[in-house]
PDB file of N, CA and C in Angstrom:
ATOM      1  N   UNK A   1      67.558  85.307  71.187  1.00  0.00           N
ATOM      2  CA  UNK A   1      68.749  85.977  71.216  1.00  0.00           C
ATOM      3  C   UNK A   1      68.761  87.111  72.271  1.00  0.00           C
ATOM      4  N   UNK A   2      67.651  87.855  72.302  1.00  0.00           N
ATOM      5  CA  UNK A   2      67.517  88.916  73.235  1.00  0.00           C
ATOM      6  C   UNK A   2      67.483  88.353  74.708  1.00  0.00           C
ATOM      7  N   UNK A   3      66.965  87.198  74.875  1.00  0.00           N
ATOM      8  CA  UNK A   3      66.865  86.573  76.188  1.00  0.00           C
ATOM      9  C   UNK A   3      68.262  86.315  76.676  1.00  0.00           C
ATOM     10  N   UNK A   4      69.180  85.841  75.849  1.00  0.00           N
ATOM     11  CA  UNK A   4      70.570  85.540  76.240  1.00  0.00           C
ATOM     12  C   UNK A   4      71.259  86.854  76.616  1.00  0.00           C
ATOM     13  N   UNK A   5      71.087  87.863  75.848  1.00  0.00           N
ATOM     14  CA  UNK A   5      71.664  89.194  76.115  1.00  0.00           C
ATOM     15  C   UNK A   5      71.146  89.736  77.449  1.00  0.00           C
ATOM     16  N   UNK A   6      69.868  89.584  77.700  1.00  0.00           N
ATOM     17  CA  UNK A   6      69.267  90.073  78.939  1.00  0.00           C
ATOM     18  C   UNK A   6      69.896  89.334  80.152  1.00  0.00           C
ATOM     19  N   UNK A   7      70.032  88.032  80.069  1.00  0.00           N
ATOM     20  CA  UNK A   7      70.616  87.252  81.162  1.00  0.00           C
ATOM     21  C   UNK A   7      72.087  87.586  81.322  1.00  0.00           C
ATOM     22  N   UNK A   8      72.787  87.820  80.298  1.00  0.00           N
ATOM     23  CA  UNK A   8      74.242  88.257  80.354  1.00  0.00           C
ATOM     24  C   UNK A   8      74.290  89.553  81.072  1.00  0.00           C
ATOM     25  N   UNK A   9      73.449  90.522  80.744  1.00  0.00           N
ATOM     26  CA  UNK A   9      73.479  91.838  81.409  1.00  0.00           C
ATOM     27  C   UNK A   9      73.171  91.714  82.887  1.00  0.00           C
ATOM     28  N   UNK A  10      72.107  90.910  83.189  1.00  0.00           N
ATOM     29  CA  UNK A  10      71.750  90.742  84.594  1.00  0.00           C
ATOM     30  C   UNK A  10      72.882  90.061  85.362  1.00  0.00           C
ATOM     31  N   UNK A  11      73.519  89.090  84.810  1.00  0.00           N
ATOM     32  CA  UNK A  11      74.648  88.378  85.436  1.00  0.00           C
ATOM     33  C   UNK A  11      75.802  89.342  85.646  1.00  0.00           C
ATOM     34  N   UNK A  12      76.107  90.215  84.702  1.00  0.00           N
ATOM     35  CA  UNK A  12      77.202  91.164  84.858  1.00  0.00           C
ATOM     36  C   UNK A  12      76.879  92.166  85.953  1.00  0.00           C
ATOM     37  N   UNK A  13      75.662  92.660  86.008  1.00  0.00           N
ATOM     38  CA  UNK A  13      75.268  93.589  87.067  1.00  0.00           C
ATOM     39  C   UNK A  13      75.408  92.975  88.415  1.00  0.00           C
ATOM     40  N   UNK A  14      74.938  91.710  88.552  1.00  0.00           N
ATOM     41  CA  UNK A  14      75.013  91.018  89.830  1.00  0.00           C
ATOM     42  C   UNK A  14      76.444  90.762  90.214  1.00  0.00           C
ATOM     43  N   UNK A  15      77.309  90.416  89.297  1.00  0.00           N
ATOM     44  CA  UNK A  15      78.743  90.202  89.618  1.00  0.00           C
ATOM     45  C   UNK A  15      79.375  91.474  90.098  1.00  0.00           C
ATOM     46  N   UNK A  16      79.121  92.583  89.490  1.00  0.00           N
ATOM     47  CA  UNK A  16      79.677  93.884  89.898  1.00  0.00           C
ATOM     48  C   UNK A  16      79.162  94.252  91.316  1.00  0.00           C
ATOM     49  N   UNK A  17      77.846  94.035  91.539  1.00  0.00           N
ATOM     50  CA  UNK A  17      77.303  94.347  92.841  1.00  0.00           C
ATOM     51  C   UNK A  17      77.896  93.457  93.929  1.00  0.00           C
ATOM     52  N   UNK A  18      78.159  92.249  93.635  1.00  0.00           N
ATOM     53  CA  UNK A  18      78.736  91.317  94.615  1.00  0.00           C
ATOM     54  C   UNK A  18      80.130  91.728  94.959  1.00  0.00           C
ATOM     55  N   UNK A  19      80.879  92.134  93.959  1.00  0.00           N
ATOM     56  CA  UNK A  19      82.281  92.547  94.161  1.00  0.00           C
ATOM     57  C   UNK A  19      82.349  93.725  95.132  1.00  0.00           C
ATOM     58  N   UNK A  20      81.466  94.721  94.980  1.00  0.00           N
ATOM     59  CA  UNK A  20      81.542  95.943  95.758  1.00  0.00           C
ATOM     60  C   UNK A  20      80.673  95.962  97.038  1.00  0.00           C
ATOM     61  N   UNK A  21      79.853  94.979  97.280  1.00  0.00           N
ATOM     62  CA  UNK A  21      78.902  95.015  98.375  1.00  0.00           C
ATOM     63  C   UNK A  21      79.489  94.802  99.747  1.00  0.00           C
ATOM     64  N   UNK A  22      80.269  93.752  99.904  1.00  0.00           N
ATOM     65  CA  UNK A  22      80.701  93.373 101.286  1.00  0.00           C
ATOM     66  C   UNK A  22      82.124  93.680 101.582  1.00  0.00           C
ATOM     67  N   UNK A  23      82.841  94.391 100.728  1.00  0.00           N
ATOM     68  CA  UNK A  23      84.244  94.664 100.977  1.00  0.00           C
ATOM     69  C   UNK A  23      84.410  96.071 101.461  1.00  0.00           C
ATOM     70  N   UNK A  24      84.838  96.229 102.722  1.00  0.00           N
ATOM     71  CA  UNK A  24      85.013  97.603 103.264  1.00  0.00           C
ATOM     72  C   UNK A  24      86.136  98.370 102.613  1.00  0.00           C
ATOM     73  N   UNK A  25      87.134  97.714 102.148  1.00  0.00           N
ATOM     74  CA  UNK A  25      88.269  98.424 101.520  1.00  0.00           C
ATOM     75  C   UNK A  25      89.105  97.395 100.754  1.00  0.00           C
ATOM     76  N   UNK A  26      89.716  97.859  99.706  1.00  0.00           N
ATOM     77  CA  UNK A  26      90.638  97.004  98.968  1.00  0.00           C
ATOM     78  C   UNK A  26      91.991  97.085  99.654  1.00  0.00           C
ATOM     79  N   UNK A  27      92.810  96.079  99.505  1.00  0.00           N
ATOM     80  CA  UNK A  27      94.141  96.066 100.083  1.00  0.00           C
ATOM     81  C   UNK A  27      94.897  97.349  99.723  1.00  0.00           C
ATOM     82  N   UNK A  28      95.462  98.030 100.706  1.00  0.00           N
ATOM     83  CA  UNK A  28      96.256  99.186 100.484  1.00  0.00           C
ATOM     84  C   UNK A  28      95.516 100.510 100.671  1.00  0.00           C
ATOM     85  N   UNK A  29      94.167 100.519 100.648  1.00  0.00           N
ATOM     86  CA  UNK A  29      93.413 101.731 100.867  1.00  0.00           C
ATOM     87  C   UNK A  29      93.255 101.993 102.379  1.00  0.00           C
ATOM     88  N   UNK A  30      93.627 103.206 102.846  1.00  0.00           N
ATOM     89  CA  UNK A  30      93.475 103.515 104.238  1.00  0.00           C
ATOM     90  C   UNK A  30      92.016 103.819 104.593  1.00  0.00           C
ATOM     91  N   UNK A  31      91.554 103.213 105.676  1.00  0.00           N
ATOM     92  CA  UNK A  31      90.201 103.395 106.175  1.00  0.00           C
ATOM     93  C   UNK A  31      90.217 104.008 107.572  1.00  0.00           C
ATOM     94  N   UNK A  32      89.451 105.083 107.759  1.00  0.00           N
ATOM     95  CA  UNK A  32      89.373 105.755 109.088  1.00  0.00           C
ATOM     96  C   UNK A  32      88.480 104.939 110.002  1.00  0.00           C
ATOM     97  N   UNK A  33      88.785 104.938 111.268  1.00  0.00           N
ATOM     98  CA  UNK A  33      87.925 104.305 112.258  1.00  0.00           C
ATOM     99  C   UNK A  33      87.968 105.052 113.566  1.00  0.00           C
ATOM    100  N   UNK A  34      86.980 104.826 114.370  1.00  0.00           N
ATOM    101  CA  UNK A  34      86.954 105.279 115.747  1.00  0.00           C
ATOM    102  C   UNK A  34      86.024 104.407 116.530  1.00  0.00           C
ATOM    103  N   UNK A  35      86.243 104.343 117.810  1.00  0.00           N
ATOM    104  CA  UNK A  35      85.424 103.500 118.646  1.00  0.00           C
ATOM    105  C   UNK A  35      85.982 103.326 120.053  1.00  0.00           C
ATOM    106  N   UNK A  36      85.399 102.401 120.777  1.00  0.00           N
ATOM    107  CA  UNK A  36      85.837 102.131 122.143  1.00  0.00           C
ATOM    108  C   UNK A  36      86.483 100.697 122.173  1.00  0.00           C
ATOM    109  N   UNK A  37      87.593 100.650 122.933  1.00  0.00           N
ATOM    110  CA  UNK A  37      88.362  99.410 123.065  1.00  0.00           C
ATOM    111  C   UNK A  37      87.463  98.418 123.823  1.00  0.00           C
ATOM    112  N   UNK A  38      87.238  97.245 123.282  1.00  0.00           N
ATOM    113  CA  UNK A  38      86.518  96.144 123.953  1.00  0.00           C
ATOM    114  C   UNK A  38      87.442  95.150 124.602  1.00  0.00           C
ATOM    115  N   UNK A  39      88.595  94.908 123.886  1.00  0.00           N
ATOM    116  CA  UNK A  39      89.530  93.889 124.402  1.00  0.00           C
ATOM    117  C   UNK A  39      90.894  94.166 123.793  1.00  0.00           C
ATOM    118  N   UNK A  40      91.919  93.935 124.610  1.00  0.00           N
ATOM    119  CA  UNK A  40      93.331  94.044 124.163  1.00  0.00           C
ATOM    120  C   UNK A  40      93.953  92.679 124.284  1.00  0.00           C
ATOM    121  N   UNK A  41      94.528  92.184 123.193  1.00  0.00           N
ATOM    122  CA  UNK A  41      95.251  90.926 123.160  1.00  0.00           C
ATOM    123  C   UNK A  41      96.700  91.290 122.844  1.00  0.00           C
ATOM    124  N   UNK A  42      97.450  91.736 123.878  1.00  0.00           N
ATOM    125  CA  UNK A  42      98.767  92.311 123.643  1.00  0.00           C
ATOM    126  C   UNK A  42      99.760  91.303 123.034  1.00  0.00           C
ATOM    127  N   UNK A  43      99.698  90.020 123.449  1.00  0.00           N
ATOM    128  CA  UNK A  43     100.653  89.062 122.930  1.00  0.00           C
ATOM    129  C   UNK A  43     100.437  88.736 121.446  1.00  0.00           C
ATOM    130  N   UNK A  44      99.291  89.061 120.936  1.00  0.00           N
ATOM    131  CA  UNK A  44      98.984  88.821 119.510  1.00  0.00           C
ATOM    132  C   UNK A  44      98.900  90.170 118.725  1.00  0.00           C
ATOM    133  N   UNK A  45      99.191  91.311 119.463  1.00  0.00           N
ATOM    134  CA  UNK A  45      99.181  92.621 118.882  1.00  0.00           C
ATOM    135  C   UNK A  45      97.823  93.025 118.304  1.00  0.00           C
ATOM    136  N   UNK A  46      96.755  92.600 118.951  1.00  0.00           N
ATOM    137  CA  UNK A  46      95.375  92.878 118.427  1.00  0.00           C
ATOM    138  C   UNK A  46      94.569  93.674 119.446  1.00  0.00           C
ATOM    139  N   UNK A  47      93.742  94.556 118.883  1.00  0.00           N
ATOM    140  CA  UNK A  47      92.810  95.375 119.711  1.00  0.00           C
ATOM    141  C   UNK A  47      91.426  95.222 119.109  1.00  0.00           C
ATOM    142  N   UNK A  48      90.487  94.779 119.917  1.00  0.00           N
ATOM    143  CA  UNK A  48      89.094  94.694 119.477  1.00  0.00           C
ATOM    144  C   UNK A  48      88.415  96.024 119.787  1.00  0.00           C
ATOM    145  N   UNK A  49      87.703  96.567 118.794  1.00  0.00           N
ATOM    146  CA  UNK A  49      87.073  97.888 118.928  1.00  0.00           C
ATOM    147  C   UNK A  49      85.624  97.775 118.537  1.00  0.00           C
ATOM    148  N   UNK A  50      84.804  98.580 119.181  1.00  0.00           N
ATOM    149  CA  UNK A  50      83.344  98.658 118.880  1.00  0.00           C
ATOM    150  C   UNK A  50      83.033 100.120 118.526  1.00  0.00           C
ATOM    151  N   UNK A  51      82.396 100.305 117.352  1.00  0.00           N
ATOM    152  CA  UNK A  51      81.958 101.653 116.980  1.00  0.00           C
ATOM    153  C   UNK A  51      80.667 101.886 117.694  1.00  0.00           C
ATOM    154  N   UNK A  52      80.630 102.930 118.549  1.00  0.00           N
ATOM    155  CA  UNK A  52      79.410 103.199 119.346  1.00  0.00           C
ATOM    156  C   UNK A  52      78.194 103.628 118.533  1.00  0.00           C
ATOM    157  N   UNK A  53      78.402 104.202 117.339  1.00  0.00           N
ATOM    158  CA  UNK A  53      77.308 104.615 116.490  1.00  0.00           C
ATOM    159  C   UNK A  53      76.687 103.450 115.735  1.00  0.00           C
ATOM    160  N   UNK A  54      77.507 102.684 115.081  1.00  0.00           N
ATOM    161  CA  UNK A  54      76.992 101.539 114.284  1.00  0.00           C
ATOM    162  C   UNK A  54      76.844 100.263 115.069  1.00  0.00           C
ATOM    163  N   UNK A  55      77.469 100.178 116.249  1.00  0.00           N
ATOM    164  CA  UNK A  55      77.517  98.982 117.052  1.00  0.00           C
ATOM    165  C   UNK A  55      78.362  97.877 116.439  1.00  0.00           C
ATOM    166  N   UNK A  56      79.081  98.133 115.378  1.00  0.00           N
ATOM    167  CA  UNK A  56      79.870  97.087 114.733  1.00  0.00           C
ATOM    168  C   UNK A  56      81.171  96.904 115.478  1.00  0.00           C
ATOM    169  N   UNK A  57      81.580  95.653 115.551  1.00  0.00           N
ATOM    170  CA  UNK A  57      82.857  95.302 116.205  1.00  0.00           C
ATOM    171  C   UNK A  57      83.858  94.854 115.136  1.00  0.00           C
ATOM    172  N   UNK A  58      85.124  95.210 115.350  1.00  0.00           N
ATOM    173  CA  UNK A  58      86.189  94.799 114.449  1.00  0.00           C
ATOM    174  C   UNK A  58      87.474  94.723 115.230  1.00  0.00           C
ATOM    175  N   UNK A  59      88.416  93.996 114.722  1.00  0.00           N
ATOM    176  CA  UNK A  59      89.705  93.815 115.355  1.00  0.00           C
ATOM    177  C   UNK A  59      90.799  94.339 114.478  1.00  0.00           C
ATOM    178  N   UNK A  60      91.718  95.176 115.041  1.00  0.00           N
ATOM    179  CA  UNK A  60      92.834  95.708 114.311  1.00  0.00           C
ATOM    180  C   UNK A  60      94.107  95.100 114.825  1.00  0.00           C
ATOM    181  N   UNK A  61      95.144  95.044 113.945  1.00  0.00           N
ATOM    182  CA  UNK A  61      96.408  94.518 114.340  1.00  0.00           C
ATOM    183  C   UNK A  61      97.383  95.698 114.371  1.00  0.00           C
ATOM    184  N   UNK A  62      98.155  95.791 115.458  1.00  0.00           N
ATOM    185  CA  UNK A  62      99.154  96.838 115.622  1.00  0.00           C
ATOM    186  C   UNK A  62     100.522  96.212 115.380  1.00  0.00           C
ATOM    187  N   UNK A  63     101.301  96.799 114.454  1.00  0.00           N
ATOM    188  CA  UNK A  63     102.641  96.284 114.224  1.00  0.00           C
ATOM    189  C   UNK A  63     103.736  97.353 114.483  1.00  0.00           C
ATOM    190  N   UNK A  64     104.952  97.044 114.138  1.00  0.00           N
ATOM    191  CA  UNK A  64     106.071  97.997 114.358  1.00  0.00           C
ATOM    192  C   UNK A  64     105.948  99.241 113.528  1.00  0.00           C
ATOM    193  N   UNK A  65     105.273  99.216 112.424  1.00  0.00           N
ATOM    194  CA  UNK A  65     105.114 100.399 111.555  1.00  0.00           C
ATOM    195  C   UNK A  65     103.924 101.266 111.965  1.00  0.00           C
ATOM    196  N   UNK A  66     103.074 100.772 112.856  1.00  0.00           N
ATOM    197  CA  UNK A  66     101.901 101.554 113.308  1.00  0.00           C
ATOM    198  C   UNK A  66     102.387 102.756 114.116  1.00  0.00           C
ATOM    199  N   UNK A  67     101.816 103.926 113.786  1.00  0.00           N
ATOM    200  CA  UNK A  67     102.135 105.184 114.513  1.00  0.00           C
ATOM    201  C   UNK A  67     101.126 105.346 115.626  1.00  0.00           C
ATOM    202  N   UNK A  68     101.561 105.379 116.885  1.00  0.00           N
ATOM    203  CA  UNK A  68     100.684 105.488 118.004  1.00  0.00           C
ATOM    204  C   UNK A  68     100.837 106.815 118.642  1.00  0.00           C
ATOM    205  N   UNK A  69      99.695 107.466 118.987  1.00  0.00           N
ATOM    206  CA  UNK A  69      99.716 108.788 119.626  1.00  0.00           C
ATOM    207  C   UNK A  69      98.934 108.658 120.921  1.00  0.00           C
ATOM    208  N   UNK A  70      99.539 109.187 122.011  1.00  0.00           N
ATOM    209  CA  UNK A  70      98.895 109.199 123.322  1.00  0.00           C
ATOM    210  C   UNK A  70      99.178 107.962 124.130  1.00  0.00           C
ATOM    211  N   UNK A  71      99.917 107.025 123.555  1.00  0.00           N
ATOM    212  CA  UNK A  71     100.354 105.855 124.290  1.00  0.00           C
ATOM    213  C   UNK A  71     101.496 105.188 123.516  1.00  0.00           C
ATOM    214  N   UNK A  72     102.332 104.451 124.251  1.00  0.00           N
ATOM    215  CA  UNK A  72     103.515 103.820 123.629  1.00  0.00           C
ATOM    216  C   UNK A  72     103.292 102.475 123.016  1.00  0.00           C
ATOM    217  N   UNK A  73     102.366 101.777 123.556  1.00  0.00           N
ATOM    218  CA  UNK A  73     102.059 100.398 123.043  1.00  0.00           C
ATOM    219  C   UNK A  73     100.649  99.977 123.426  1.00  0.00           C
ATOM    220  N   UNK A  74     100.186  98.913 122.818  1.00  0.00           N
ATOM    221  CA  UNK A  74      98.794  98.555 123.090  1.00  0.00           C
ATOM    222  C   UNK A  74      98.562  97.993 124.501  1.00  0.00           C
ATOM    223  N   UNK A  75      99.658  97.637 125.180  1.00  0.00           N
ATOM    224  CA  UNK A  75      99.590  97.231 126.586  1.00  0.00           C
ATOM    225  C   UNK A  75      99.046  98.343 127.488  1.00  0.00           C
ATOM    226  N   UNK A  76      99.139  99.581 127.058  1.00  0.00           N
ATOM    227  CA  UNK A  76      98.634 100.711 127.833  1.00  0.00           C
ATOM    228  C   UNK A  76      97.163 100.940 127.632  1.00  0.00           C
ATOM    229  N   UNK A  77      96.581 100.345 126.593  1.00  0.00           N
ATOM    230  CA  UNK A  77      95.146 100.516 126.320  1.00  0.00           C
ATOM    231  C   UNK A  77      94.310  99.670 127.263  1.00  0.00           C
ATOM    232  N   UNK A  78      93.196 100.193 127.680  1.00  0.00           N
ATOM    233  CA  UNK A  78      92.279  99.464 128.563  1.00  0.00           C
ATOM    234  C   UNK A  78      90.904  99.450 127.950  1.00  0.00           C
ATOM    235  N   UNK A  79      90.090  98.472 128.392  1.00  0.00           N
ATOM    236  CA  UNK A  79      88.739  98.361 127.918  1.00  0.00           C
ATOM    237  C   UNK A  79      87.999  99.671 128.205  1.00  0.00           C
ATOM    238  N   UNK A  80      87.298 100.164 127.224  1.00  0.00           N
ATOM    239  CA  UNK A  80      86.551 101.412 127.376  1.00  0.00           C
ATOM    240  C   UNK A  80      87.254 102.628 126.857  1.00  0.00           C
ATOM    241  N   UNK A  81      88.611 102.524 126.618  1.00  0.00           N
ATOM    242  CA  UNK A  81      89.317 103.700 126.034  1.00  0.00           C
ATOM    243  C   UNK A  81      88.740 104.005 124.694  1.00  0.00           C
ATOM    244  N   UNK A  82      88.681 105.321 124.363  1.00  0.00           N
ATOM    245  CA  UNK A  82      88.214 105.757 123.084  1.00  0.00           C
ATOM    246  C   UNK A  82      89.401 105.968 122.196  1.00  0.00           C
ATOM    247  N   UNK A  83      89.391 105.369 121.006  1.00  0.00           N
ATOM    248  CA  UNK A  83      90.497 105.464 120.048  1.00  0.00           C
ATOM    249  C   UNK A  83      89.958 105.824 118.671  1.00  0.00           C
ATOM    250  N   UNK A  84      90.896 106.352 117.871  1.00  0.00           N
ATOM    251  CA  UNK A  84      90.593 106.621 116.453  1.00  0.00           C
ATOM    252  C   UNK A  84      91.843 106.462 115.680  1.00  0.00           C
ATOM    253  N   UNK A  85      91.706 106.284 114.362  1.00  0.00           N
ATOM    254  CA  UNK A  85      92.922 106.117 113.536  1.00  0.00           C
ATOM    255  C   UNK A  85      92.564 105.653 112.147  1.00  0.00           C
ATOM    256  N   UNK A  86      93.555 105.022 111.526  1.00  0.00           N
ATOM    257  CA  UNK A  86      93.397 104.463 110.195  1.00  0.00           C
ATOM    258  C   UNK A  86      94.028 103.107 110.120  1.00  0.00           C
ATOM    259  N   UNK A  87      93.456 102.252 109.246  1.00  0.00           N
ATOM    260  CA  UNK A  87      93.993 100.925 109.001  1.00  0.00           C
ATOM    261  C   UNK A  87      93.975 100.651 107.519  1.00  0.00           C
ATOM    262  N   UNK A  88      94.769  99.668 107.117  1.00  0.00           N
ATOM    263  CA  UNK A  88      94.744  99.164 105.729  1.00  0.00           C
ATOM    264  C   UNK A  88      94.424  97.696 105.840  1.00  0.00           C
ATOM    265  N   UNK A  89      93.810  97.153 104.805  1.00  0.00           N
ATOM    266  CA  UNK A  89      93.461  95.750 104.784  1.00  0.00           C
ATOM    267  C   UNK A  89      94.667  95.038 104.098  1.00  0.00           C
ATOM    268  N   UNK A  90      95.258  94.042 104.841  1.00  0.00           N
ATOM    269  CA  UNK A  90      96.395  93.311 104.295  1.00  0.00           C
ATOM    270  C   UNK A  90      95.907  92.304 103.311  1.00  0.00           C
ATOM    271  N   UNK A  91      96.871  91.669 102.588  1.00  0.00           N
ATOM    272  CA  UNK A  91      96.546  90.619 101.593  1.00  0.00           C
ATOM    273  C   UNK A  91      95.839  89.431 102.289  1.00  0.00           C
ATOM    274  N   UNK A  92      96.074  89.279 103.602  1.00  0.00           N
ATOM    275  CA  UNK A  92      95.445  88.140 104.323  1.00  0.00           C
ATOM    276  C   UNK A  92      94.073  88.579 104.901  1.00  0.00           C
ATOM    277  N   UNK A  93      93.649  89.816 104.654  1.00  0.00           N
ATOM    278  CA  UNK A  93      92.359  90.309 105.155  1.00  0.00           C
ATOM    279  C   UNK A  93      92.385  90.869 106.551  1.00  0.00           C
ATOM    280  N   UNK A  94      93.593  91.056 107.134  1.00  0.00           N
ATOM    281  CA  UNK A  94      93.689  91.681 108.436  1.00  0.00           C
ATOM    282  C   UNK A  94      93.652  93.198 108.359  1.00  0.00           C
ATOM    283  N   UNK A  95      93.039  93.839 109.387  1.00  0.00           N
ATOM    284  CA  UNK A  95      93.025  95.272 109.457  1.00  0.00           C
ATOM    285  C   UNK A  95      94.274  95.764 110.230  1.00  0.00           C
ATOM    286  N   UNK A  96      95.249  96.235 109.465  1.00  0.00           N
ATOM    287  CA  UNK A  96      96.526  96.603 110.074  1.00  0.00           C
ATOM    288  C   UNK A  96      96.537  98.113 110.283  1.00  0.00           C
ATOM    289  N   UNK A  97      96.771  98.551 111.536  1.00  0.00           N
ATOM    290  CA  UNK A  97      96.759  99.948 111.888  1.00  0.00           C
ATOM    291  C   UNK A  97      97.957 100.660 111.280  1.00  0.00           C
ATOM    292  N   UNK A  98      97.669 101.822 110.661  1.00  0.00           N
ATOM    293  CA  UNK A  98      98.761 102.680 110.190  1.00  0.00           C
ATOM    294  C   UNK A  98      98.992 103.772 111.188  1.00  0.00           C
ATOM    295  N   UNK A  99      97.896 104.256 111.824  1.00  0.00           N
ATOM    296  CA  UNK A  99      97.999 105.231 112.898  1.00  0.00           C
ATOM    297  C   UNK A  99      96.784 105.098 113.813  1.00  0.00           C
ATOM    298  N   UNK A 100      97.068 105.294 115.107  1.00  0.00           N
ATOM    299  CA  UNK A 100      95.979 105.196 116.087  1.00  0.00           C
ATOM    300  C   UNK A 100      96.304 106.106 117.225  1.00  0.00           C
ATOM    301  N   UNK A 101      95.272 106.833 117.740  1.00  0.00           N
ATOM    302  CA  UNK A 101      95.429 107.751 118.863  1.00  0.00           C
ATOM    303  C   UNK A 101      94.357 107.473 119.887  1.00  0.00           C
ATOM    304  N   UNK A 102      94.730 107.618 121.132  1.00  0.00           N
ATOM    305  CA  UNK A 102      93.754 107.582 122.254  1.00  0.00           C
ATOM    306  C   UNK A 102      93.165 108.950 122.413  1.00  0.00           C
ATOM    307  N   UNK A 103      91.844 109.036 122.443  1.00  0.00           N
ATOM    308  CA  UNK A 103      91.154 110.310 122.556  1.00  0.00           C
ATOM    309  C   UNK A 103      91.109 110.814 123.931  1.00  0.00           C
TER     310      UNK A 103
END
């Protein structure tokens, strides 16, 4: 009986660890970011960014609700530009910019 309880506890701990390990944010939570522009895909409203400290790359989506500072649209961004801002994770798993500024 104790063996079953032990395995149940281990399984529960592993399940909780799995849920929280690889998810940077839940849908709706704003996440701060900063980095250098690696690529701009203006026709798809996407900007690829690389964090110079962690070396991680990620792509954000800019939409009509995104507040942009220092530029009017992503077409003005160039490779190497330094940017910072916040994004939320959509239901589809996309990083949607809520605000972004060119440094």
